[in-house]
Amino acid sequence: MKRHILVIPKKAVLYRDKNIVVNENDYNIKLFTYSNNSGFVHIASISKNNVKIADAKAQYYNRTWERFTGESVYKESLNYAIKSNDIARDEKTLILEKINQY
């Protein structure tokens, strides 16, 4: 399946940048954010061993109740990576746990 890769707008600001090792693979996970007329947007970008494998975008119209900032887009980008066979389902849980540790 084709990878889900987005163009990151120039107005997007890097909010979080994490490097994580899971099952001997190096993951770089970035969270971008920017405001628009309706609220704000988060974009999560995931690279595995220096190859971009998935992005996801979420538009927020008002306050969000996530356990940690970016939770929804991290999960969605990992789901795209699973669909394109870039990560295994068990890696998703491990990656999310490590994202939240910092």
N, C-alpha and C. Protein backbone atom coordinates (compact mmCIF):
# COMPACT_ATOMS: atom_id res chain seq x y z
N MET A 1 0.83 -1.18 0.00
CA MET A 1 0.00 0.00 0.00
C MET A 1 0.88 1.25 0.00
N LYS A 2 0.40 2.30 -0.60
CA LYS A 2 1.11 3.57 -0.70
C LYS A 2 1.23 4.24 0.67
N ARG A 3 2.37 4.88 0.90
CA ARG A 3 2.57 5.61 2.15
C ARG A 3 1.76 6.90 2.16
N HIS A 4 1.31 7.28 3.36
CA HIS A 4 0.52 8.51 3.53
C HIS A 4 1.47 9.62 3.95
N ILE A 5 1.92 10.43 2.96
CA ILE A 5 2.88 11.51 3.19
C ILE A 5 2.22 12.83 2.84
N LEU A 6 2.31 13.81 3.73
CA LEU A 6 1.72 15.13 3.53
C LEU A 6 2.80 16.18 3.30
N VAL A 7 2.41 17.28 2.71
CA VAL A 7 3.29 18.43 2.60
C VAL A 7 3.08 19.27 3.86
N ILE A 8 4.15 19.53 4.58
CA ILE A 8 4.07 20.32 5.81
C ILE A 8 4.05 21.80 5.41
N PRO A 9 3.00 22.55 5.77
CA PRO A 9 2.94 23.96 5.41
C PRO A 9 4.09 24.77 6.02
N LYS A 10 4.51 25.81 5.33
CA LYS A 10 5.61 26.65 5.82
C LYS A 10 5.27 27.31 7.15
N LYS A 11 4.00 27.59 7.38
CA LYS A 11 3.60 28.25 8.63
C LYS A 11 3.60 27.30 9.83
N ALA A 12 3.76 26.01 9.59
CA ALA A 12 3.77 25.03 10.68
C ALA A 12 5.05 25.17 11.50
N VAL A 13 4.89 25.10 12.81
CA VAL A 13 6.01 25.21 13.75
C VAL A 13 6.27 23.84 14.37
N LEU A 14 7.54 23.46 14.44
CA LEU A 14 7.89 22.20 15.08
C LEU A 14 7.65 22.32 16.58
N TYR A 15 6.75 21.51 17.10
CA TYR A 15 6.37 21.57 18.51
C TYR A 15 7.12 20.51 19.33
N ARG A 16 7.31 19.34 18.74
CA ARG A 16 7.97 18.25 19.45
C ARG A 16 8.76 17.42 18.44
N ASP A 17 9.95 16.99 18.84
CA ASP A 17 10.82 16.17 17.99
C ASP A 17 11.45 15.11 18.87
N LYS A 18 11.10 13.84 18.64
CA LYS A 18 11.59 12.76 19.50
C LYS A 18 12.25 11.67 18.68
N ASN A 19 13.31 11.12 19.22
CA ASN A 19 13.95 9.95 18.64
C ASN A 19 13.72 8.79 19.58
N ILE A 20 13.25 7.68 19.02
CA ILE A 20 12.87 6.51 19.81
C ILE A 20 13.44 5.27 19.13
N VAL A 21 13.90 4.32 19.92
CA VAL A 21 14.35 3.03 19.38
C VAL A 21 13.37 1.96 19.84
N VAL A 22 12.81 1.22 18.87
CA VAL A 22 11.89 0.13 19.15
C VAL A 22 12.27 -1.04 18.24
N ASN A 23 12.49 -2.20 18.83
CA ASN A 23 12.85 -3.41 18.08
C ASN A 23 14.01 -3.14 17.12
N GLU A 24 15.05 -2.47 17.62
CA GLU A 24 16.26 -2.15 16.88
C GLU A 24 16.05 -1.22 15.67
N ASN A 25 14.90 -0.56 15.61
CA ASN A 25 14.63 0.42 14.56
C ASN A 25 14.63 1.81 15.19
N ASP A 26 15.22 2.76 14.49
CA ASP A 26 15.26 4.15 14.95
C ASP A 26 14.06 4.89 14.36
N TYR A 27 13.25 5.46 15.23
CA TYR A 27 12.09 6.25 14.81
C TYR A 27 12.31 7.70 15.19
N ASN A 28 12.00 8.59 14.26
CA ASN A 28 11.98 10.02 14.54
C ASN A 28 10.54 10.47 14.38
N ILE A 29 10.00 11.04 15.43
CA ILE A 29 8.60 11.45 15.44
C ILE A 29 8.53 12.94 15.69
N LYS A 30 7.91 13.65 14.74
CA LYS A 30 7.80 15.10 14.85
C LYS A 30 6.33 15.50 14.91
N LEU A 31 6.07 16.52 15.71
CA LEU A 31 4.74 17.09 15.80
C LEU A 31 4.83 18.56 15.42
N PHE A 32 4.09 18.93 14.39
CA PHE A 32 4.01 20.31 13.93
C PHE A 32 2.65 20.88 14.31
N THR A 33 2.59 22.18 14.52
CA THR A 33 1.33 22.82 14.84
C THR A 33 1.26 24.19 14.18
N TYR A 34 0.04 24.61 13.87
CA TYR A 34 -0.18 25.97 13.38
C TYR A 34 -1.63 26.34 13.58
N SER A 35 -1.86 27.65 13.66
CA SER A 35 -3.21 28.18 13.84
C SER A 35 -3.82 28.49 12.48
N ASN A 36 -5.15 28.41 12.44
CA ASN A 36 -5.88 28.87 11.25
C ASN A 36 -7.16 29.55 11.73
N ASN A 37 -8.00 29.96 10.80
CA ASN A 37 -9.21 30.71 11.16
C ASN A 37 -10.20 29.90 12.00
N SER A 38 -10.14 28.59 11.93
CA SER A 38 -11.10 27.74 12.63
C SER A 38 -10.60 27.21 13.96
N GLY A 39 -9.33 27.33 14.24
CA GLY A 39 -8.77 26.77 15.47
C GLY A 39 -7.28 26.53 15.28
N PHE A 40 -6.86 25.25 15.36
CA PHE A 40 -5.46 24.92 15.13
C PHE A 40 -5.35 23.53 14.53
N VAL A 41 -4.16 23.24 13.99
CA VAL A 41 -3.90 21.99 13.29
C VAL A 41 -2.65 21.35 13.87
N HIS A 42 -2.68 20.03 14.02
CA HIS A 42 -1.50 19.25 14.36
C HIS A 42 -1.17 18.34 13.18
N ILE A 43 0.10 18.20 12.88
CA ILE A 43 0.57 17.24 11.88
C ILE A 43 1.67 16.42 12.53
N ALA A 44 1.52 15.09 12.49
CA ALA A 44 2.55 14.18 13.00
C ALA A 44 3.27 13.57 11.82
N SER A 45 4.58 13.51 11.90
CA SER A 45 5.41 12.93 10.85
C SER A 45 6.31 11.87 11.48
N ILE A 46 6.32 10.68 10.89
CA ILE A 46 7.10 9.57 11.43
C ILE A 46 8.09 9.07 10.40
N SER A 47 9.36 8.96 10.83
CA SER A 47 10.41 8.39 9.99
C SER A 47 10.95 7.15 10.68
N LYS A 48 11.27 6.13 9.88
CA LYS A 48 11.85 4.90 10.40
C LYS A 48 13.20 4.70 9.73
N ASN A 49 14.26 4.65 10.52
CA ASN A 49 15.61 4.50 9.99
C ASN A 49 15.89 5.54 8.90
N ASN A 50 15.53 6.79 9.17
CA ASN A 50 15.76 7.95 8.30
C ASN A 50 14.96 7.95 7.01
N VAL A 51 13.87 7.18 6.94
CA VAL A 51 12.97 7.18 5.79
C VAL A 51 11.59 7.57 6.29
N LYS A 52 11.02 8.63 5.71
CA LYS A 52 9.69 9.08 6.12
C LYS A 52 8.66 8.02 5.72
N ILE A 53 7.88 7.55 6.71
CA ILE A 53 6.93 6.47 6.42
C ILE A 53 5.47 6.88 6.52
N ALA A 54 5.16 7.93 7.30
CA ALA A 54 3.74 8.30 7.44
C ALA A 54 3.59 9.67 8.07
N ASP A 55 2.51 10.35 7.66
CA ASP A 55 2.09 11.61 8.25
C ASP A 55 0.60 11.54 8.52
N ALA A 56 0.14 12.35 9.45
CA ALA A 56 -1.29 12.47 9.71
C ALA A 56 -1.57 13.90 10.15
N LYS A 57 -2.80 14.34 9.90
CA LYS A 57 -3.18 15.72 10.19
C LYS A 57 -4.52 15.72 10.91
N ALA A 58 -4.65 16.61 11.90
CA ALA A 58 -5.91 16.76 12.63
C ALA A 58 -6.22 18.24 12.79
N GLN A 59 -7.45 18.60 12.49
CA GLN A 59 -7.94 19.97 12.67
C GLN A 59 -8.74 20.02 13.97
N TYR A 60 -8.39 20.94 14.84
CA TYR A 60 -9.10 21.10 16.10
C TYR A 60 -9.87 22.42 16.08
N TYR A 61 -11.17 22.34 16.33
CA TYR A 61 -12.01 23.52 16.31
C TYR A 61 -12.16 24.15 17.69
N ASN A 62 -11.92 23.38 18.71
CA ASN A 62 -11.95 23.90 20.07
C ASN A 62 -11.04 23.04 20.93
N ARG A 63 -11.18 23.12 22.18
CA ARG A 63 -10.29 22.42 23.09
C ARG A 63 -10.35 20.91 22.91
N THR A 64 -9.20 20.27 23.02
CA THR A 64 -9.12 18.82 22.88
C THR A 64 -8.77 18.20 24.24
N TRP A 65 -9.20 16.98 24.45
CA TRP A 65 -8.97 16.31 25.74
C TRP A 65 -8.12 15.07 25.55
N GLU A 66 -6.95 15.24 24.99
CA GLU A 66 -6.03 14.12 24.79
C GLU A 66 -5.22 13.91 26.07
N ARG A 67 -4.74 12.70 26.24
CA ARG A 67 -3.88 12.42 27.41
C ARG A 67 -2.57 13.18 27.30
N PHE A 68 -2.05 13.31 26.09
CA PHE A 68 -0.85 14.11 25.87
C PHE A 68 -0.98 14.79 24.51
N THR A 69 -0.29 15.91 24.34
CA THR A 69 -0.40 16.71 23.13
C THR A 69 -0.01 15.91 21.90
N GLY A 70 -0.89 15.89 20.91
CA GLY A 70 -0.62 15.19 19.66
C GLY A 70 -1.05 13.75 19.62
N GLU A 71 -1.66 13.27 20.67
CA GLU A 71 -2.03 11.85 20.77
C GLU A 71 -2.81 11.36 19.53
N SER A 72 -3.81 12.12 19.11
CA SER A 72 -4.65 11.69 17.98
C SER A 72 -3.87 11.55 16.68
N VAL A 73 -3.03 12.55 16.37
CA VAL A 73 -2.28 12.47 15.11
C VAL A 73 -1.15 11.46 15.18
N TYR A 74 -0.56 11.24 16.35
CA TYR A 74 0.43 10.18 16.47
C TYR A 74 -0.22 8.83 16.16
N LYS A 75 -1.36 8.57 16.77
CA LYS A 75 -2.05 7.29 16.54
C LYS A 75 -2.43 7.12 15.08
N GLU A 76 -2.95 8.18 14.47
CA GLU A 76 -3.36 8.10 13.07
C GLU A 76 -2.17 7.87 12.15
N SER A 77 -1.06 8.55 12.38
CA SER A 77 0.12 8.34 11.54
C SER A 77 0.66 6.92 11.70
N LEU A 78 0.61 6.39 12.92
CA LEU A 78 1.03 5.00 13.14
C LEU A 78 0.08 4.02 12.45
N ASN A 79 -1.21 4.32 12.43
CA ASN A 79 -2.16 3.48 11.70
C ASN A 79 -1.84 3.46 10.21
N TYR A 80 -1.49 4.62 9.64
CA TYR A 80 -1.09 4.68 8.23
C TYR A 80 0.18 3.85 8.01
N ALA A 81 1.13 3.91 8.95
CA ALA A 81 2.36 3.12 8.82
C ALA A 81 2.09 1.62 8.88
N ILE A 82 1.11 1.22 9.68
CA ILE A 82 0.71 -0.19 9.73
C ILE A 82 0.10 -0.61 8.40
N LYS A 83 -0.79 0.23 7.85
CA LYS A 83 -1.44 -0.09 6.57
C LYS A 83 -0.44 -0.22 5.42
N SER A 84 0.63 0.56 5.46
CA SER A 84 1.64 0.48 4.40
C SER A 84 2.73 -0.56 4.72
N ASN A 85 2.52 -1.33 5.78
CA ASN A 85 3.43 -2.40 6.21
C ASN A 85 4.82 -1.89 6.60
N ASP A 86 4.90 -0.66 7.07
CA ASP A 86 6.18 -0.10 7.53
C ASP A 86 6.46 -0.41 9.00
N ILE A 87 5.41 -0.67 9.77
CA ILE A 87 5.58 -1.10 11.16
C ILE A 87 4.58 -2.21 11.46
N ALA A 88 4.88 -2.96 12.51
CA ALA A 88 3.97 -4.01 12.97
C ALA A 88 3.03 -3.44 14.03
N ARG A 89 1.89 -4.07 14.21
CA ARG A 89 0.90 -3.59 15.19
C ARG A 89 1.47 -3.50 16.61
N ASP A 90 2.29 -4.47 17.00
CA ASP A 90 2.84 -4.43 18.36
C ASP A 90 3.81 -3.25 18.55
N GLU A 91 4.44 -2.80 17.46
CA GLU A 91 5.34 -1.65 17.55
C GLU A 91 4.56 -0.36 17.84
N LYS A 92 3.33 -0.27 17.35
CA LYS A 92 2.53 0.94 17.58
C LYS A 92 2.39 1.21 19.07
N THR A 93 2.04 0.20 19.84
CA THR A 93 1.85 0.36 21.28
C THR A 93 3.16 0.77 21.94
N LEU A 94 4.26 0.15 21.56
CA LEU A 94 5.55 0.47 22.15
C LEU A 94 5.97 1.91 21.82
N ILE A 95 5.74 2.33 20.58
CA ILE A 95 6.09 3.69 20.18
C ILE A 95 5.26 4.71 20.96
N LEU A 96 3.95 4.48 21.07
CA LEU A 96 3.10 5.42 21.81
C LEU A 96 3.52 5.52 23.27
N GLU A 97 3.89 4.39 23.88
CA GLU A 97 4.34 4.41 25.27
C GLU A 97 5.61 5.25 25.41
N LYS A 98 6.53 5.10 24.47
CA LYS A 98 7.79 5.86 24.55
C LYS A 98 7.58 7.33 24.26
N ILE A 99 6.67 7.66 23.38
CA ILE A 99 6.38 9.08 23.11
C ILE A 99 5.92 9.76 24.38
N ASN A 100 5.09 9.09 25.14
CA ASN A 100 4.49 9.67 26.34
C ASN A 100 5.45 9.67 27.54
N GLN A 101 6.57 8.96 27.47
CA GLN A 101 7.50 8.88 28.59
C GLN A 101 8.25 10.18 28.82
N TYR A 102 8.48 10.96 27.81
CA TYR A 102 9.33 12.14 27.92
C TYR A 102 8.61 13.33 28.46
